[in-house]
Amino acid sequence: MTLASFTPHLAFGLDAMWVSVTVLAVIYAFIIAGRANRAVVALIGAAIVIIFGALDQAEAVKGIDWDTIGLLTGMMILVAISRRSGLFQYLAIWSAQRVKANPAGILLMLQITTAVLSALLNNVSTVLLVVPVTLVIAEELDLEPYPFLFAEVFASNIGGTATLIGDPPNIMIGSQAGFDFNSFIVNVAPAALVVMVLQAIMVHLTWGRGMRASPESRALVMGMNARGMITDWVLLRRSALAMAAVLVAFVFARPLRLEPATIALTGAAVLMLIDNWRHRDSKQADNVHNTFAEVEWTTIFFFLGLFVVVHAVEASGVLGLLAGKVVGLTGARIATAGAVILWSSAFLSAIFDNIPFVATMIPLIKSMAPAYGGPTEIEPLWWCLALGACLGGNGTLIGAASNLAVAGIAERNGIRFGFVRYLAYGAPMTLVSIAFCQVYVWVRYF
């Protein structure tokens, strides 16, 4: 059954459009309020649209983007195994020592480290690995940790913007629009690189130039044993080899005729197999269970439920109507449509979580293709969506999952990471980022 041939059969004479849109709106409301786990809310929403007949079960399964699910799961497993080696803690301390424990230099190096790791892994996993070490360094230097944490949030989202695998919105866009790893490197990474430079300058002017640390404190950081952070050299070498193989496969995915999800899951399975060779049979099951326990299943099941609800909205026809409105408002000018998508994506992603927003926008942009000459002609709109959603997530504390992850760690360590303070710094910096992206897409594509 295709979407075009699917006909909703609603219970109680309800309208499919109102049911699906209402359920999606309620999911958004719960996410913003933070009163319930977002995975649970999304799954209940998916159940409601099926029970009320906005989708049947077969059509609901078709709405799930399994490429996104597979890619996310595979990368989470790779990171879960790699982190046991201590590699990421080593990189953080190594970065601090390369600048002689100078506070401004550390601030810059931790941003670069976070951005690079976020591009190669994903932004949420990166901040979970880097932030705890950052807190130790800030404590040793007797410095306020907030500037470091804020800068790492921004750097993680900017780095994640650059690649297919760096940020969940990009994974979704790549899967649905048919873009591979190289497409993001060519089209999005140049903009992300410039934005990272702008970000580093703004952070330095705001905090870095005023940071001071005593010679004694700097000596303590320089005395840290970076190599001692690596607890398993064998696992480090195997993990590095597996990650390198996966990244190379991403680059050559099209000639290999492999989807990113297949590459990530294959790499994860092979690394798990190799990792288990070192353990006795009695320990292998525990090792596998521990690895799976580190996968962010909340995020995975949130995606599953959300995909079903958004598919119901698409099947109801409301996105087709909205696409017609957007085309009408822009006068069928694709450059204007690109600007609208870029700025609205940035603004709405800052207010809402950028993941459900992008899930809603993808079918909307697809519906706009006929008005602009077909799927190939709307490619610039996808890059506007990626830049707006990923960078717009920096605007507020609730704009992206990595923001909330850092806030949670900070609060557990007694550091205030409030919404208003973050907004005061985050909103202006995000506006600068999006303004540059507007110039970038205008010059390059329109």
Protein backbone atom coordinates (compact mmCIF):
# COMPACT_ATOMS: atom_id res chain seq x y z
CA MET A 1 0.00 0.00 0.00
CA THR A 2 1.46 3.36 -1.00
CA LEU A 3 0.74 6.66 0.65
CA ALA A 4 -1.12 7.84 -2.44
CA SER A 5 -3.52 4.91 -2.29
CA PHE A 6 -3.99 4.86 1.46
CA THR A 7 -7.39 6.05 2.68
CA PRO A 8 -7.80 6.78 6.40
CA HIS A 9 -10.79 5.17 8.11
CA LEU A 10 -11.42 7.25 11.20
CA ALA A 11 -13.39 6.09 14.21
CA PHE A 12 -16.34 8.14 15.48
CA GLY A 13 -16.54 10.09 12.22
CA LEU A 14 -13.44 12.15 13.08
CA ASP A 15 -11.38 13.95 10.46
CA ALA A 16 -7.93 12.43 9.75
CA MET A 17 -6.32 15.82 9.36
CA TRP A 18 -7.50 17.11 12.73
CA VAL A 19 -6.66 13.89 14.55
CA SER A 20 -3.10 13.68 13.23
CA VAL A 21 -2.34 17.40 13.64
CA THR A 22 -3.77 17.44 17.16
CA VAL A 23 -1.68 14.45 18.20
CA LEU A 24 1.48 16.05 16.78
CA ALA A 25 0.68 19.34 18.55
CA VAL A 26 0.18 17.53 21.86
CA ILE A 27 3.54 15.77 21.43
CA TYR A 28 5.20 19.14 20.87
CA ALA A 29 3.48 20.53 23.97
CA PHE A 30 4.72 17.69 26.15
CA ILE A 31 8.26 18.04 24.78
CA ILE A 32 8.32 21.76 25.55
CA ALA A 33 6.80 21.32 29.01
CA GLY A 34 9.15 18.48 29.86
CA ARG A 35 6.50 16.86 32.03
CA ALA A 36 6.81 13.38 30.52
CA ASN A 37 9.45 11.29 28.79
CA ARG A 38 9.41 12.24 25.11
CA ALA A 39 9.80 8.64 23.92
CA VAL A 40 6.73 7.56 25.89
CA VAL A 41 4.71 10.52 24.60
CA ALA A 42 5.70 9.81 20.98
CA LEU A 43 4.83 6.12 21.26
CA ILE A 44 1.43 6.90 22.79
CA GLY A 45 0.84 9.39 19.98
CA ALA A 46 1.67 6.72 17.42
CA ALA A 47 -0.75 4.33 19.09
CA ILE A 48 -3.53 6.94 19.04
CA VAL A 49 -3.27 7.68 15.29
CA ILE A 50 -3.43 3.93 14.59
CA ILE A 51 -6.28 3.22 17.01
CA PHE A 52 -8.36 6.09 15.62
CA GLY A 53 -7.68 5.02 12.05
CA ALA A 54 -5.55 7.88 10.73
CA LEU A 55 -3.15 5.10 9.73
CA ASP A 56 -3.47 1.34 9.70
CA GLN A 57 -0.67 -0.77 11.16
CA ALA A 58 0.89 -1.65 7.80
CA GLU A 59 1.00 2.00 6.72
CA ALA A 60 2.38 3.05 10.11
CA VAL A 61 5.36 0.71 9.70
CA LYS A 62 6.02 2.17 6.24
CA GLY A 63 6.27 5.60 7.82
CA ILE A 64 9.26 4.62 9.97
CA ASP A 65 12.57 5.71 8.48
CA TRP A 66 14.60 2.59 9.18
CA ASP A 67 17.74 4.08 7.61
CA THR A 68 17.76 6.78 10.28
CA ILE A 69 17.09 4.24 13.05
CA GLY A 70 19.85 1.94 11.82
CA LEU A 71 22.43 4.69 11.41
CA LEU A 72 21.75 6.14 14.86
CA THR A 73 21.87 2.74 16.56
CA GLY A 74 25.05 1.68 14.79
CA MET A 75 26.92 4.89 15.65
CA MET A 76 25.74 4.71 19.27
CA ILE A 77 27.16 1.18 19.59
CA LEU A 78 30.48 2.23 18.05
CA VAL A 79 30.77 5.14 20.48
CA ALA A 80 29.72 3.00 23.46
CA ILE A 81 32.53 0.52 22.82
CA SER A 82 35.14 3.15 21.91
CA ARG A 83 34.55 5.25 25.02
CA ARG A 84 35.69 2.37 27.28
CA SER A 85 39.23 2.81 26.01
CA GLY A 86 39.50 6.34 27.50
CA LEU A 87 40.29 7.90 24.10
CA PHE A 88 37.96 10.87 24.47
CA GLN A 89 39.19 11.79 27.95
CA TYR A 90 42.73 11.62 26.61
CA LEU A 91 41.89 14.02 23.77
CA ALA A 92 40.38 16.58 26.15
CA ILE A 93 43.40 16.66 28.46
CA TRP A 94 45.82 16.53 25.52
CA SER A 95 44.08 19.58 24.03
CA ALA A 96 44.45 21.54 27.27
CA GLN A 97 48.13 20.70 27.56
CA ARG A 98 48.87 21.68 23.95
CA VAL A 99 48.13 25.32 24.87
CA LYS A 100 50.17 25.18 28.12
CA ALA A 101 46.97 25.26 30.21
CA ASN A 102 46.23 28.83 29.13
CA PRO A 103 42.49 29.35 29.91
CA ALA A 104 41.67 31.12 26.63
CA GLY A 105 43.63 28.49 24.72
CA ILE A 106 41.85 25.67 26.54
CA LEU A 107 38.50 27.28 25.74
CA LEU A 108 39.42 27.30 22.05
CA MET A 109 40.93 23.81 21.96
CA LEU A 110 37.96 22.22 23.73
CA GLN A 111 35.65 23.85 21.18
CA ILE A 112 37.70 22.47 18.30
CA THR A 113 37.90 19.01 19.88
CA THR A 114 34.15 18.98 20.51
CA ALA A 115 33.33 20.14 16.98
CA VAL A 116 35.58 17.56 15.30
CA LEU A 117 34.30 14.68 17.43
CA SER A 118 30.70 15.78 16.86
CA ALA A 119 31.24 15.72 13.11
CA LEU A 120 32.75 12.23 13.19
CA LEU A 121 30.53 10.68 15.87
CA ASN A 122 27.44 12.65 16.89
CA ASN A 123 26.93 15.71 19.03
CA VAL A 124 25.08 14.15 21.96
CA SER A 125 27.63 11.38 22.48
CA THR A 126 30.46 13.88 22.20
CA VAL A 127 29.27 16.22 24.94
CA LEU A 128 28.60 13.29 27.24
CA LEU A 129 32.25 12.31 26.81
CA VAL A 130 33.94 15.74 26.86
CA VAL A 131 31.96 17.65 29.51
CA PRO A 132 32.99 15.58 32.57
CA VAL A 133 36.67 16.09 31.74
CA THR A 134 36.05 19.79 31.12
CA LEU A 135 34.64 20.13 34.64
CA VAL A 136 37.81 18.62 36.09
CA ILE A 137 40.02 21.01 34.10
CA ALA A 138 37.92 24.05 35.09
CA GLU A 139 38.07 23.02 38.75
CA GLU A 140 41.86 22.60 38.64
CA LEU A 141 42.23 26.07 37.07
CA ASP A 142 39.72 27.57 39.54
CA LEU A 143 37.64 28.95 36.65
CA GLU A 144 33.88 29.25 36.18
CA PRO A 145 32.87 26.18 34.14
CA TYR A 146 29.86 27.81 32.47
CA PRO A 147 31.76 29.45 29.56
CA PHE A 148 33.42 26.13 28.72
CA LEU A 149 30.14 24.22 28.80
CA PHE A 150 28.29 26.85 26.79
CA ALA A 151 31.03 26.89 24.15
CA GLU A 152 30.99 23.10 23.92
CA VAL A 153 27.21 23.08 23.37
CA PHE A 154 27.62 25.47 20.45
CA ALA A 155 30.64 23.62 19.07
CA SER A 156 28.86 20.26 19.24
CA ASN A 157 25.90 21.53 17.24
CA ILE A 158 28.10 23.31 14.71
CA GLY A 159 30.34 20.27 14.26
CA GLY A 160 27.28 18.06 13.99
CA THR A 161 25.92 20.30 11.25
CA ALA A 162 28.90 19.55 9.00
CA THR A 163 28.29 15.86 8.29
CA LEU A 164 25.58 13.32 7.61
CA ILE A 165 26.18 11.52 10.90
CA GLY A 166 26.87 14.48 13.18
CA ASP A 167 23.33 15.52 14.09
CA PRO A 168 20.04 13.56 13.99
CA PRO A 169 18.31 16.13 11.71
CA ASN A 170 21.04 15.57 9.10
CA ILE A 171 20.62 11.82 9.36
CA MET A 172 16.92 12.21 8.69
CA ILE A 173 17.42 14.63 5.78
CA GLY A 174 20.10 12.45 4.19
CA SER A 175 17.95 9.35 4.42
CA GLN A 176 14.76 10.93 3.09
CA ALA A 177 16.33 13.11 0.37
CA GLY A 178 18.91 10.55 -0.76
CA PHE A 179 22.06 12.47 0.19
CA ASP A 180 25.24 10.62 1.11
CA PHE A 181 28.13 11.52 3.42
CA ASN A 182 29.99 13.40 0.69
CA SER A 183 26.97 15.55 -0.14
CA PHE A 184 27.00 17.08 3.33
CA ILE A 185 30.77 17.56 3.26
CA VAL A 186 30.54 19.46 -0.03
CA ASN A 187 27.40 21.51 0.67
CA VAL A 188 27.14 22.04 4.42
CA ALA A 189 30.63 21.61 5.90
CA PRO A 190 32.07 24.83 4.36
CA ALA A 191 29.34 26.91 6.00
CA ALA A 192 29.77 25.06 9.31
CA LEU A 193 33.53 25.70 9.24
CA VAL A 194 33.07 29.46 8.87
CA VAL A 195 30.36 29.49 11.54
CA MET A 196 32.77 27.66 13.87
CA VAL A 197 35.36 30.40 13.33
CA LEU A 198 32.75 33.08 14.05
CA GLN A 199 31.64 31.17 17.13
CA ALA A 200 35.20 30.89 18.47
CA ILE A 201 35.75 34.64 17.99
CA MET A 202 32.50 35.54 19.77
CA VAL A 203 33.24 33.20 22.67
CA HIS A 204 36.75 34.61 23.03
CA LEU A 205 35.48 38.19 23.06
CA THR A 206 32.76 37.28 25.57
CA TRP A 207 34.80 35.17 27.98
CA GLY A 208 38.18 34.00 26.75
CA ARG A 209 40.12 37.27 26.79
CA GLY A 210 39.16 37.87 30.43
CA MET A 211 40.11 34.44 31.77
CA ARG A 212 43.07 34.16 34.12
CA ALA A 213 44.54 31.23 36.04
CA SER A 214 47.31 31.11 38.58
CA PRO A 215 50.67 29.51 37.68
CA GLU A 216 50.03 26.88 40.35
CA SER A 217 46.68 25.91 38.83
CA ARG A 218 48.12 25.71 35.34
CA ALA A 219 50.91 23.49 36.67
CA LEU A 220 48.30 21.06 38.03
CA VAL A 221 46.68 20.71 34.59
CA MET A 222 50.05 20.32 32.89
CA GLY A 223 50.82 17.59 35.40
CA MET A 224 47.77 15.51 34.46
CA ASN A 225 48.62 12.17 32.90
CA ALA A 226 46.82 12.30 29.56
CA ARG A 227 48.08 8.89 28.47
CA GLY A 228 46.89 7.51 31.77
CA MET A 229 43.34 8.26 30.66
CA ILE A 230 43.64 5.46 28.10
CA THR A 231 42.73 2.38 30.07
CA ASP A 232 42.68 -0.16 27.23
CA TRP A 233 45.18 0.24 24.39
CA VAL A 234 44.03 -2.91 22.61
CA LEU A 235 40.44 -1.69 22.53
CA LEU A 236 41.64 1.76 21.47
CA ARG A 237 43.41 0.38 18.40
CA ARG A 238 40.50 -1.83 17.44
CA SER A 239 37.95 0.92 17.94
CA ALA A 240 40.02 3.41 15.94
CA LEU A 241 40.35 0.91 13.11
CA ALA A 242 36.62 0.18 13.09
CA MET A 243 35.68 3.87 13.16
CA ALA A 244 38.14 4.64 10.36
CA ALA A 245 36.73 1.82 8.24
CA VAL A 246 33.18 3.08 8.79
CA LEU A 247 34.10 6.66 7.83
CA VAL A 248 35.88 5.47 4.67
CA ALA A 249 32.83 3.38 3.78
CA PHE A 250 30.61 6.45 4.26
CA VAL A 251 32.76 8.35 1.75
CA PHE A 252 32.53 5.53 -0.81
CA ALA A 253 28.94 4.55 -0.01
CA ARG A 254 27.59 5.19 -3.51
CA PRO A 255 30.21 3.14 -5.40
CA LEU A 256 29.76 0.40 -2.79
CA ARG A 257 25.96 0.65 -3.19
CA LEU A 258 25.52 0.66 0.56
CA GLU A 259 23.24 2.79 2.71
CA PRO A 260 24.71 4.60 5.76
CA ALA A 261 22.61 2.46 8.11
CA THR A 262 24.09 -0.73 6.67
CA ILE A 263 27.62 0.65 7.05
CA ALA A 264 27.10 1.79 10.65
CA LEU A 265 25.40 -1.40 11.80
CA THR A 266 27.99 -3.58 10.08
CA GLY A 267 30.81 -1.66 11.70
CA ALA A 268 29.10 -1.88 15.09
CA ALA A 269 28.52 -5.63 14.75
CA VAL A 270 32.11 -6.31 13.68
CA LEU A 271 33.54 -4.22 16.55
CA MET A 272 31.29 -5.99 19.04
CA LEU A 273 32.46 -9.36 17.69
CA ILE A 274 36.13 -8.39 17.90
CA ASP A 275 35.66 -6.91 21.38
CA ASN A 276 34.04 -10.14 22.59
CA TRP A 277 36.96 -12.31 21.48
CA ARG A 278 38.88 -11.09 24.51
CA HIS A 279 36.28 -12.38 26.92
CA ARG A 280 35.45 -15.86 28.09
CA ASP A 281 32.16 -17.34 26.97
CA SER A 282 30.59 -16.61 30.34
CA LYS A 283 31.44 -12.92 30.04
CA GLN A 284 30.47 -12.37 26.41
CA ALA A 285 26.74 -12.11 27.09
CA ASP A 286 27.35 -9.56 29.86
CA ASN A 287 29.63 -7.57 27.58
CA VAL A 288 27.02 -7.42 24.82
CA HIS A 289 24.28 -6.47 27.28
CA ASN A 290 26.44 -3.69 28.71
CA THR A 291 27.08 -2.33 25.22
CA PHE A 292 23.40 -2.33 24.31
CA ALA A 293 22.60 -0.70 27.66
CA GLU A 294 24.66 2.34 26.61
CA VAL A 295 22.59 2.89 23.47
CA GLU A 296 20.25 5.87 23.89
CA TRP A 297 17.08 3.83 23.51
CA THR A 298 14.97 6.80 24.59
CA THR A 299 16.06 8.60 21.42
CA ILE A 300 15.52 5.53 19.24
CA PHE A 301 11.97 4.92 20.46
CA PHE A 302 11.20 8.63 20.30
CA PHE A 303 12.06 8.49 16.60
CA LEU A 304 9.91 5.39 16.07
CA GLY A 305 6.82 7.02 17.54
CA LEU A 306 7.46 10.39 15.92
CA PHE A 307 7.89 8.93 12.43
CA VAL A 308 4.48 7.26 12.68
CA VAL A 309 2.71 10.44 13.83
CA VAL A 310 4.35 12.60 11.15
CA HIS A 311 3.42 9.99 8.52
CA ALA A 312 -0.18 10.27 9.67
CA VAL A 313 -0.02 14.05 9.23
CA GLU A 314 1.41 13.54 5.75
CA ALA A 315 -1.25 10.97 4.83
CA SER A 316 -4.01 13.33 5.92
CA GLY A 317 -3.01 15.81 3.22
CA VAL A 318 -2.25 18.74 5.49
CA LEU A 319 1.40 18.97 4.43
CA GLY A 320 0.40 19.18 0.80
CA LEU A 321 -1.85 22.13 1.65
CA LEU A 322 0.93 23.83 3.61
CA ALA A 323 3.36 23.30 0.73
CA GLY A 324 0.95 25.08 -1.59
CA LYS A 325 0.69 27.98 0.86
CA VAL A 326 4.48 28.32 1.10
CA VAL A 327 4.84 28.28 -2.68
CA GLY A 328 2.10 30.90 -2.96
CA LEU A 329 3.66 33.17 -0.33
CA THR A 330 7.09 33.03 -1.99
CA GLY A 331 5.71 33.70 -5.44
CA ALA A 332 7.16 30.37 -6.63
CA ARG A 333 10.66 31.85 -6.25
CA ILE A 334 12.95 29.16 -4.87
CA ALA A 335 15.43 31.69 -3.44
CA THR A 336 12.66 33.22 -1.34
CA ALA A 337 11.49 29.75 -0.30
CA GLY A 338 15.05 28.95 0.77
CA ALA A 339 15.22 32.06 2.95
CA VAL A 340 11.85 31.25 4.51
CA ILE A 341 12.93 27.68 5.28
CA LEU A 342 16.33 28.74 6.66
CA TRP A 343 15.01 31.40 9.04
CA SER A 344 11.82 29.58 10.06
CA SER A 345 13.84 26.41 10.70
CA ALA A 346 16.28 28.33 12.88
CA PHE A 347 13.55 30.11 14.82
CA LEU A 348 11.29 27.10 15.33
CA SER A 349 14.17 24.74 16.11
CA ALA A 350 15.21 27.12 18.87
CA ILE A 351 11.71 27.02 20.33
CA PHE A 352 11.02 23.35 19.76
CA ASP A 353 13.37 20.40 19.68
CA ASN A 354 14.85 20.36 16.16
CA ILE A 355 14.27 16.62 15.69
CA PRO A 356 10.44 16.62 15.59
CA PHE A 357 10.52 19.88 13.64
CA VAL A 358 12.70 18.38 10.89
CA ALA A 359 10.58 15.24 10.85
CA THR A 360 7.60 17.45 10.04
CA MET A 361 9.44 19.60 7.48
CA ILE A 362 10.85 16.76 5.37
CA PRO A 363 7.55 15.66 3.80
CA LEU A 364 6.54 19.33 3.48
CA ILE A 365 9.61 20.12 1.35
CA LYS A 366 9.04 16.97 -0.69
CA SER A 367 5.53 18.22 -1.44
CA MET A 368 7.00 21.46 -2.80
CA ALA A 369 9.09 19.71 -5.48
CA PRO A 370 6.53 19.81 -8.32
CA ALA A 371 6.12 23.57 -8.02
CA TYR A 372 9.85 24.16 -8.44
CA GLY A 373 10.59 21.69 -11.25
CA GLY A 374 11.15 18.40 -9.47
CA PRO A 375 13.30 16.82 -6.72
CA THR A 376 16.66 17.88 -8.18
CA GLU A 377 15.63 21.54 -8.32
CA ILE A 378 14.78 21.73 -4.62
CA GLU A 379 18.16 20.45 -3.39
CA PRO A 380 19.13 23.91 -2.03
CA LEU A 381 16.03 23.82 0.17
CA TRP A 382 17.38 20.72 1.92
CA TRP A 383 20.63 22.52 2.75
CA CYS A 384 18.65 25.48 4.07
CA LEU A 385 16.71 23.10 6.30
CA ALA A 386 19.89 21.38 7.55
CA LEU A 387 21.66 24.64 8.36
CA GLY A 388 18.62 26.28 9.92
CA ALA A 389 17.58 23.32 12.07
CA CYS A 390 21.03 22.26 13.29
CA LEU A 391 22.38 25.75 13.98
CA GLY A 392 19.03 27.06 15.18
CA GLY A 393 19.15 24.42 17.88
CA ASN A 394 21.85 26.56 19.52
CA GLY A 395 19.40 29.40 20.10
CA THR A 396 17.82 28.15 23.32
CA LEU A 397 18.45 25.56 25.98
CA ILE A 398 15.73 23.26 24.61
CA GLY A 399 16.68 23.63 20.94
CA ALA A 400 18.76 20.44 20.66
CA ALA A 401 19.35 17.23 22.57
CA SER A 402 23.02 18.06 23.23
CA ASN A 403 22.00 21.30 24.97
CA LEU A 404 19.82 19.43 27.43
CA ALA A 405 22.48 16.75 27.92
CA VAL A 406 25.05 19.37 28.99
CA ALA A 407 22.50 21.15 31.19
CA GLY A 408 21.75 17.88 32.95
CA ILE A 409 25.41 17.16 33.68
CA ALA A 410 25.94 20.75 34.87
CA GLU A 411 23.01 20.64 37.25
CA ARG A 412 24.14 17.32 38.70
CA ASN A 413 27.45 19.02 39.49
CA GLY A 414 25.83 22.04 41.14
CA ILE A 415 26.33 24.41 38.17
CA ARG A 416 23.43 26.68 37.21
CA PHE A 417 22.66 26.28 33.53
CA GLY A 418 19.37 28.14 33.32
CA PHE A 419 17.20 28.91 30.30
CA VAL A 420 17.36 32.72 30.56
CA ARG A 421 21.14 32.99 30.94
CA TYR A 422 21.67 30.62 28.04
CA LEU A 423 19.21 32.59 25.90
CA ALA A 424 21.02 35.88 26.59
CA TYR A 425 24.22 34.50 25.05
CA GLY A 426 22.83 31.89 22.68
CA ALA A 427 20.24 33.90 20.77
CA PRO A 428 22.60 36.67 19.51
CA MET A 429 25.30 34.18 18.53
CA THR A 430 22.75 32.06 16.68
CA LEU A 431 21.48 35.09 14.78
CA VAL A 432 25.04 35.77 13.57
CA SER A 433 25.36 32.14 12.45
CA ILE A 434 22.08 32.14 10.52
CA ALA A 435 22.81 35.54 8.95
CA PHE A 436 26.05 34.16 7.55
CA CYS A 437 24.26 31.02 6.30
CA GLN A 438 21.75 33.23 4.50
CA VAL A 439 24.61 34.89 2.62
CA TYR A 440 26.21 31.50 1.98
CA VAL A 441 23.17 29.82 0.45
CA TRP A 442 22.22 32.93 -1.50
CA VAL A 443 25.65 33.23 -3.12
CA ARG A 444 26.15 29.52 -3.70
CA TYR A 445 22.73 28.30 -4.81
CA PHE A 446 20.52 31.23 -5.83
